[in-house]
Amino acid sequence: MRDLCQDIDGCWINLQMVNWAANMPGQIASREVRVHISERDGTFWRAHGPGWFEFDGQQTDLVSNEFNAWDCYFTDAETSTNSNNGRRDNFQGFGLLNARGGDYPDDLTFCRVVVSD
């Protein structure tokens, strides 16, 4: 992430939910944002997408800052709290969550993230 996103032009994060339609295997739904990680220390980050969709976060602030593509979440939380969909931002880093009990079948749907510069 730092190699691609912690520079002058940031990176693209494409969050994908795969197999969301039980009767149409292989279907992909996705959302994409541009992410900039602070060049100075990598602690702060900001993302923006289509329209005025914008949010920011801070690493290790004990708060989950995230965006979703339906049941899939790209988050700065990297530690599970062992509760249903629980997460915590205690350390540097990012995580990918497939939310349990969401709107799409847990046994079929999976999430992936594509990072590009």
N, C-alpha and C. Protein backbone atom coordinates (compact mmCIF):
# COMPACT_ATOMS: atom_id res chain seq x y z
N MET A 1 0.82 -1.19 0.00
CA MET A 1 0.00 0.00 0.00
C MET A 1 0.87 1.26 0.00
N ARG A 2 1.89 1.27 0.84
CA ARG A 2 2.71 2.47 0.91
C ARG A 2 3.44 2.73 -0.40
N ASP A 3 3.94 1.69 -1.04
CA ASP A 3 4.65 1.88 -2.31
C ASP A 3 3.75 2.50 -3.37
N LEU A 4 2.49 2.13 -3.38
CA LEU A 4 1.57 2.62 -4.41
C LEU A 4 0.80 3.87 -4.00
N CYS A 5 0.49 4.02 -2.72
CA CYS A 5 -0.44 5.06 -2.28
C CYS A 5 0.19 6.21 -1.51
N GLN A 6 1.42 6.05 -1.04
CA GLN A 6 2.04 7.09 -0.22
C GLN A 6 3.01 7.91 -1.06
N ASP A 7 2.49 8.44 -2.16
CA ASP A 7 3.30 9.29 -3.04
C ASP A 7 2.44 10.42 -3.56
N ILE A 8 2.95 11.16 -4.49
CA ILE A 8 2.30 12.38 -4.95
C ILE A 8 0.93 12.15 -5.62
N ASP A 9 0.75 11.00 -6.27
CA ASP A 9 -0.52 10.79 -6.98
C ASP A 9 -1.43 9.75 -6.34
N GLY A 10 -1.05 9.18 -5.21
CA GLY A 10 -1.91 8.21 -4.54
C GLY A 10 -2.10 6.95 -5.36
N CYS A 11 -3.19 6.23 -5.11
CA CYS A 11 -3.47 4.99 -5.82
C CYS A 11 -4.98 4.80 -5.94
N TRP A 12 -5.38 3.86 -6.76
CA TRP A 12 -6.77 3.47 -6.89
C TRP A 12 -7.01 2.21 -6.09
N ILE A 13 -8.11 2.19 -5.32
CA ILE A 13 -8.56 1.00 -4.61
C ILE A 13 -9.88 0.58 -5.25
N ASN A 14 -9.90 -0.62 -5.82
CA ASN A 14 -11.11 -1.17 -6.41
C ASN A 14 -11.56 -2.30 -5.50
N LEU A 15 -12.67 -2.09 -4.81
CA LEU A 15 -13.21 -3.07 -3.87
C LEU A 15 -14.28 -3.87 -4.59
N GLN A 16 -14.14 -5.18 -4.61
CA GLN A 16 -15.02 -6.04 -5.39
C GLN A 16 -15.73 -7.06 -4.50
N MET A 17 -17.03 -7.24 -4.77
CA MET A 17 -17.82 -8.30 -4.16
C MET A 17 -18.11 -9.31 -5.28
N VAL A 18 -17.62 -10.53 -5.11
CA VAL A 18 -17.70 -11.56 -6.15
C VAL A 18 -18.73 -12.62 -5.75
N ASN A 19 -19.45 -13.13 -6.74
CA ASN A 19 -20.49 -14.16 -6.56
C ASN A 19 -21.67 -13.65 -5.74
N TRP A 20 -22.04 -12.42 -5.90
CA TRP A 20 -23.13 -11.85 -5.12
C TRP A 20 -24.49 -12.35 -5.57
N ALA A 21 -24.60 -12.84 -6.80
CA ALA A 21 -25.88 -13.33 -7.30
C ALA A 21 -25.83 -14.86 -7.35
N ALA A 22 -26.60 -15.51 -6.49
CA ALA A 22 -26.56 -16.97 -6.38
C ALA A 22 -26.86 -17.66 -7.71
N ASN A 23 -27.71 -17.08 -8.52
CA ASN A 23 -28.09 -17.72 -9.79
C ASN A 23 -27.18 -17.32 -10.96
N MET A 24 -26.17 -16.48 -10.70
CA MET A 24 -25.24 -16.04 -11.75
C MET A 24 -23.82 -16.04 -11.19
N PRO A 25 -23.19 -17.21 -11.01
CA PRO A 25 -21.84 -17.28 -10.43
C PRO A 25 -20.84 -16.44 -11.22
N GLY A 26 -19.89 -15.87 -10.49
CA GLY A 26 -18.84 -15.07 -11.12
C GLY A 26 -19.17 -13.61 -11.31
N GLN A 27 -20.38 -13.20 -10.94
CA GLN A 27 -20.75 -11.79 -11.08
C GLN A 27 -19.93 -10.95 -10.10
N ILE A 28 -19.52 -9.76 -10.56
CA ILE A 28 -18.71 -8.86 -9.73
C ILE A 28 -19.41 -7.52 -9.63
N ALA A 29 -19.53 -7.03 -8.41
CA ALA A 29 -19.99 -5.67 -8.15
C ALA A 29 -18.81 -4.94 -7.51
N SER A 30 -18.55 -3.70 -7.93
CA SER A 30 -17.37 -3.04 -7.39
C SER A 30 -17.59 -1.54 -7.22
N ARG A 31 -16.76 -0.98 -6.36
CA ARG A 31 -16.68 0.48 -6.16
C ARG A 31 -15.20 0.83 -6.12
N GLU A 32 -14.90 2.03 -6.60
CA GLU A 32 -13.49 2.43 -6.68
C GLU A 32 -13.31 3.82 -6.09
N VAL A 33 -12.22 3.99 -5.35
CA VAL A 33 -11.86 5.29 -4.78
C VAL A 33 -10.38 5.54 -5.02
N ARG A 34 -10.02 6.80 -4.99
CA ARG A 34 -8.62 7.22 -5.05
C ARG A 34 -8.16 7.45 -3.61
N VAL A 35 -7.03 6.84 -3.23
CA VAL A 35 -6.54 6.93 -1.85
C VAL A 35 -5.19 7.62 -1.83
N HIS A 36 -5.03 8.53 -0.88
CA HIS A 36 -3.75 9.20 -0.64
C HIS A 36 -3.35 8.94 0.81
N ILE A 37 -2.18 8.36 1.00
CA ILE A 37 -1.63 8.16 2.33
C ILE A 37 -0.59 9.26 2.56
N SER A 38 -0.62 9.85 3.73
CA SER A 38 0.29 10.95 4.07
C SER A 38 1.73 10.63 3.68
N GLU A 39 2.33 11.51 2.89
CA GLU A 39 3.72 11.32 2.47
C GLU A 39 4.68 11.43 3.65
N ARG A 40 4.29 12.20 4.66
CA ARG A 40 5.19 12.47 5.78
C ARG A 40 5.41 11.25 6.67
N ASP A 41 4.31 10.68 7.19
CA ASP A 41 4.50 9.58 8.13
C ASP A 41 3.58 8.37 7.89
N GLY A 42 2.69 8.45 6.92
CA GLY A 42 1.82 7.33 6.61
C GLY A 42 0.70 7.11 7.60
N THR A 43 0.51 8.03 8.54
CA THR A 43 -0.50 7.87 9.57
C THR A 43 -1.89 8.27 9.07
N PHE A 44 -1.98 9.38 8.36
CA PHE A 44 -3.26 9.87 7.89
C PHE A 44 -3.50 9.42 6.45
N TRP A 45 -4.77 9.20 6.11
CA TRP A 45 -5.11 8.82 4.74
C TRP A 45 -6.47 9.41 4.40
N ARG A 46 -6.67 9.63 3.12
CA ARG A 46 -7.92 10.22 2.63
C ARG A 46 -8.30 9.53 1.33
N ALA A 47 -9.59 9.34 1.13
CA ALA A 47 -10.10 8.69 -0.08
C ALA A 47 -11.22 9.52 -0.68
N HIS A 48 -11.32 9.49 -1.99
CA HIS A 48 -12.44 10.15 -2.66
C HIS A 48 -12.84 9.33 -3.86
N GLY A 49 -14.13 9.35 -4.13
CA GLY A 49 -14.68 8.59 -5.25
C GLY A 49 -15.57 9.46 -6.10
N PRO A 50 -16.48 8.83 -6.83
CA PRO A 50 -17.38 9.57 -7.73
C PRO A 50 -18.19 10.61 -6.97
N GLY A 51 -18.45 11.71 -7.63
CA GLY A 51 -19.22 12.78 -7.00
C GLY A 51 -18.43 13.38 -5.85
N TRP A 52 -19.11 13.62 -4.76
CA TRP A 52 -18.47 14.23 -3.59
C TRP A 52 -18.21 13.21 -2.49
N PHE A 53 -18.13 11.92 -2.83
CA PHE A 53 -17.87 10.86 -1.86
C PHE A 53 -16.44 11.00 -1.36
N GLU A 54 -16.27 11.40 -0.11
CA GLU A 54 -14.94 11.57 0.46
C GLU A 54 -14.94 11.16 1.93
N PHE A 55 -13.85 10.62 2.40
CA PHE A 55 -13.69 10.32 3.80
C PHE A 55 -12.20 10.23 4.11
N ASP A 56 -11.88 10.27 5.38
CA ASP A 56 -10.47 10.16 5.77
C ASP A 56 -10.36 9.32 7.02
N GLY A 57 -9.14 8.96 7.35
CA GLY A 57 -8.89 8.16 8.53
C GLY A 57 -7.50 8.39 9.06
N GLN A 58 -7.28 7.86 10.24
CA GLN A 58 -5.97 7.93 10.88
C GLN A 58 -5.64 6.55 11.41
N GLN A 59 -4.44 6.09 11.10
CA GLN A 59 -4.00 4.79 11.59
C GLN A 59 -3.83 4.82 13.11
N THR A 60 -4.10 3.72 13.75
CA THR A 60 -3.91 3.49 15.19
C THR A 60 -4.74 4.42 16.08
N ASP A 61 -5.87 4.93 15.59
CA ASP A 61 -6.68 5.82 16.42
C ASP A 61 -7.83 5.09 17.12
N LEU A 62 -7.85 3.76 17.04
CA LEU A 62 -8.86 2.91 17.67
C LEU A 62 -10.25 3.08 17.07
N VAL A 63 -10.33 3.72 15.90
CA VAL A 63 -11.60 3.92 15.20
C VAL A 63 -11.48 3.29 13.82
N SER A 64 -12.51 2.55 13.41
CA SER A 64 -12.52 1.96 12.06
C SER A 64 -13.01 2.98 11.05
N ASN A 65 -12.14 3.34 10.12
CA ASN A 65 -12.52 4.21 9.01
C ASN A 65 -12.53 3.32 7.78
N GLU A 66 -13.62 3.36 7.02
CA GLU A 66 -13.77 2.36 5.97
C GLU A 66 -14.75 2.81 4.90
N PHE A 67 -14.70 2.12 3.75
CA PHE A 67 -15.74 2.27 2.77
C PHE A 67 -16.16 0.88 2.32
N ASN A 68 -17.35 0.78 1.78
CA ASN A 68 -17.84 -0.54 1.44
C ASN A 68 -18.34 -0.62 0.01
N ALA A 69 -18.31 -1.85 -0.48
CA ALA A 69 -19.01 -2.24 -1.70
C ALA A 69 -19.98 -3.32 -1.24
N TRP A 70 -21.14 -2.89 -0.81
CA TRP A 70 -22.18 -3.77 -0.29
C TRP A 70 -21.68 -4.53 0.93
N ASP A 71 -21.48 -5.85 0.87
CA ASP A 71 -21.05 -6.62 2.05
C ASP A 71 -19.53 -6.63 2.24
N CYS A 72 -18.79 -5.98 1.38
CA CYS A 72 -17.32 -5.96 1.46
C CYS A 72 -16.85 -4.61 1.97
N TYR A 73 -15.90 -4.63 2.90
CA TYR A 73 -15.39 -3.40 3.51
C TYR A 73 -13.87 -3.34 3.39
N PHE A 74 -13.38 -2.19 2.92
CA PHE A 74 -11.96 -1.86 2.97
C PHE A 74 -11.82 -0.96 4.19
N THR A 75 -10.98 -1.34 5.13
CA THR A 75 -10.96 -0.66 6.42
C THR A 75 -9.53 -0.48 6.92
N ASP A 76 -9.33 0.51 7.77
CA ASP A 76 -8.02 0.66 8.40
C ASP A 76 -7.94 -0.16 9.69
N ALA A 77 -9.00 -0.92 9.98
CA ALA A 77 -8.96 -1.85 11.11
C ALA A 77 -8.30 -3.14 10.65
N GLU A 78 -7.45 -3.66 11.47
CA GLU A 78 -6.73 -4.88 11.09
C GLU A 78 -6.81 -5.95 12.17
N THR A 79 -7.55 -5.69 13.23
CA THR A 79 -7.67 -6.63 14.33
C THR A 79 -9.13 -6.97 14.57
N SER A 80 -9.44 -8.25 14.63
CA SER A 80 -10.81 -8.68 14.94
C SER A 80 -11.03 -8.61 16.44
N THR A 81 -12.24 -8.26 16.82
CA THR A 81 -12.59 -8.25 18.25
C THR A 81 -13.28 -9.56 18.63
N ASN A 82 -13.33 -10.51 17.68
CA ASN A 82 -13.98 -11.80 17.89
C ASN A 82 -15.48 -11.68 18.14
N SER A 83 -16.06 -10.58 17.73
CA SER A 83 -17.51 -10.43 17.76
C SER A 83 -18.00 -10.39 16.32
N ASN A 84 -19.29 -10.47 16.13
CA ASN A 84 -19.86 -10.49 14.79
C ASN A 84 -19.45 -9.24 14.02
N ASN A 85 -18.61 -9.41 13.02
CA ASN A 85 -18.11 -8.31 12.18
C ASN A 85 -17.31 -7.28 12.96
N GLY A 86 -16.81 -7.65 14.14
CA GLY A 86 -16.06 -6.71 14.97
C GLY A 86 -14.67 -6.45 14.42
N ARG A 87 -14.19 -5.23 14.60
CA ARG A 87 -12.85 -4.89 14.15
C ARG A 87 -12.35 -3.68 14.96
N ARG A 88 -11.03 -3.54 15.00
CA ARG A 88 -10.42 -2.47 15.77
C ARG A 88 -9.16 -1.99 15.06
N ASP A 89 -8.90 -0.71 15.13
CA ASP A 89 -7.72 -0.10 14.50
C ASP A 89 -6.66 0.19 15.55
N ASN A 90 -5.90 -0.83 15.90
CA ASN A 90 -4.84 -0.67 16.91
C ASN A 90 -3.46 -0.46 16.30
N PHE A 91 -3.28 -0.84 15.05
CA PHE A 91 -1.96 -0.85 14.44
C PHE A 91 -1.99 -0.20 13.06
N GLN A 92 -0.83 0.04 12.49
CA GLN A 92 -0.72 0.49 11.10
C GLN A 92 -1.19 -0.63 10.19
N GLY A 93 -1.86 -0.30 9.12
CA GLY A 93 -2.27 -1.30 8.15
C GLY A 93 -3.74 -1.21 7.79
N PHE A 94 -4.12 -1.99 6.81
CA PHE A 94 -5.48 -2.00 6.31
C PHE A 94 -6.00 -3.43 6.31
N GLY A 95 -7.31 -3.57 6.25
CA GLY A 95 -7.92 -4.89 6.23
C GLY A 95 -9.05 -4.96 5.22
N LEU A 96 -9.47 -6.17 4.93
CA LEU A 96 -10.57 -6.45 4.02
C LEU A 96 -11.56 -7.33 4.78
N LEU A 97 -12.82 -6.91 4.85
CA LEU A 97 -13.83 -7.64 5.60
C LEU A 97 -14.98 -8.04 4.68
N ASN A 98 -15.39 -9.30 4.78
CA ASN A 98 -16.63 -9.77 4.17
C ASN A 98 -17.62 -9.87 5.32
N ALA A 99 -18.54 -8.91 5.39
CA ALA A 99 -19.44 -8.81 6.53
C ALA A 99 -20.36 -10.03 6.64
N ARG A 100 -20.36 -10.64 7.77
CA ARG A 100 -21.21 -11.80 8.04
C ARG A 100 -22.65 -11.34 8.22
N GLY A 101 -23.58 -12.08 7.64
CA GLY A 101 -25.00 -11.76 7.81
C GLY A 101 -25.44 -10.52 7.06
N GLY A 102 -24.75 -10.17 5.98
CA GLY A 102 -25.12 -9.00 5.19
C GLY A 102 -26.29 -9.29 4.26
N ASP A 103 -26.37 -8.55 3.20
CA ASP A 103 -27.47 -8.68 2.25
C ASP A 103 -27.27 -9.80 1.23
N TYR A 104 -26.07 -10.36 1.16
CA TYR A 104 -25.75 -11.36 0.15
C TYR A 104 -25.31 -12.66 0.82
N PRO A 105 -25.43 -13.81 0.13
CA PRO A 105 -25.17 -15.11 0.77
C PRO A 105 -23.73 -15.26 1.27
N ASP A 106 -23.59 -15.53 2.56
CA ASP A 106 -22.26 -15.70 3.17
C ASP A 106 -21.48 -16.86 2.57
N ASP A 107 -22.18 -17.93 2.19
CA ASP A 107 -21.49 -19.12 1.71
C ASP A 107 -20.99 -19.00 0.27
N LEU A 108 -21.47 -18.00 -0.48
CA LEU A 108 -21.06 -17.83 -1.87
C LEU A 108 -20.19 -16.60 -2.11
N THR A 109 -20.52 -15.52 -1.45
CA THR A 109 -19.90 -14.23 -1.73
C THR A 109 -18.52 -14.14 -1.11
N PHE A 110 -17.56 -13.59 -1.87
CA PHE A 110 -16.26 -13.27 -1.29
C PHE A 110 -15.82 -11.89 -1.78
N CYS A 111 -14.87 -11.33 -1.08
CA CYS A 111 -14.41 -9.97 -1.36
C CYS A 111 -12.96 -9.99 -1.81
N ARG A 112 -12.62 -9.03 -2.65
CA ARG A 112 -11.22 -8.84 -3.00
C ARG A 112 -10.99 -7.35 -3.26
N VAL A 113 -9.74 -6.98 -3.12
CA VAL A 113 -9.36 -5.59 -3.36
C VAL A 113 -8.23 -5.57 -4.38
N VAL A 114 -8.31 -4.65 -5.33
CA VAL A 114 -7.28 -4.46 -6.35
C VAL A 114 -6.71 -3.06 -6.14
N VAL A 115 -5.41 -2.99 -5.93
CA VAL A 115 -4.73 -1.71 -5.71
C VAL A 115 -3.88 -1.43 -6.95
N SER A 116 -4.07 -0.27 -7.54
CA SER A 116 -3.28 0.09 -8.72
C SER A 116 -2.84 1.54 -8.64
N ASP A 117 -1.70 1.83 -9.25
CA ASP A 117 -1.13 3.17 -9.24
C ASP A 117 -1.52 3.93 -10.48
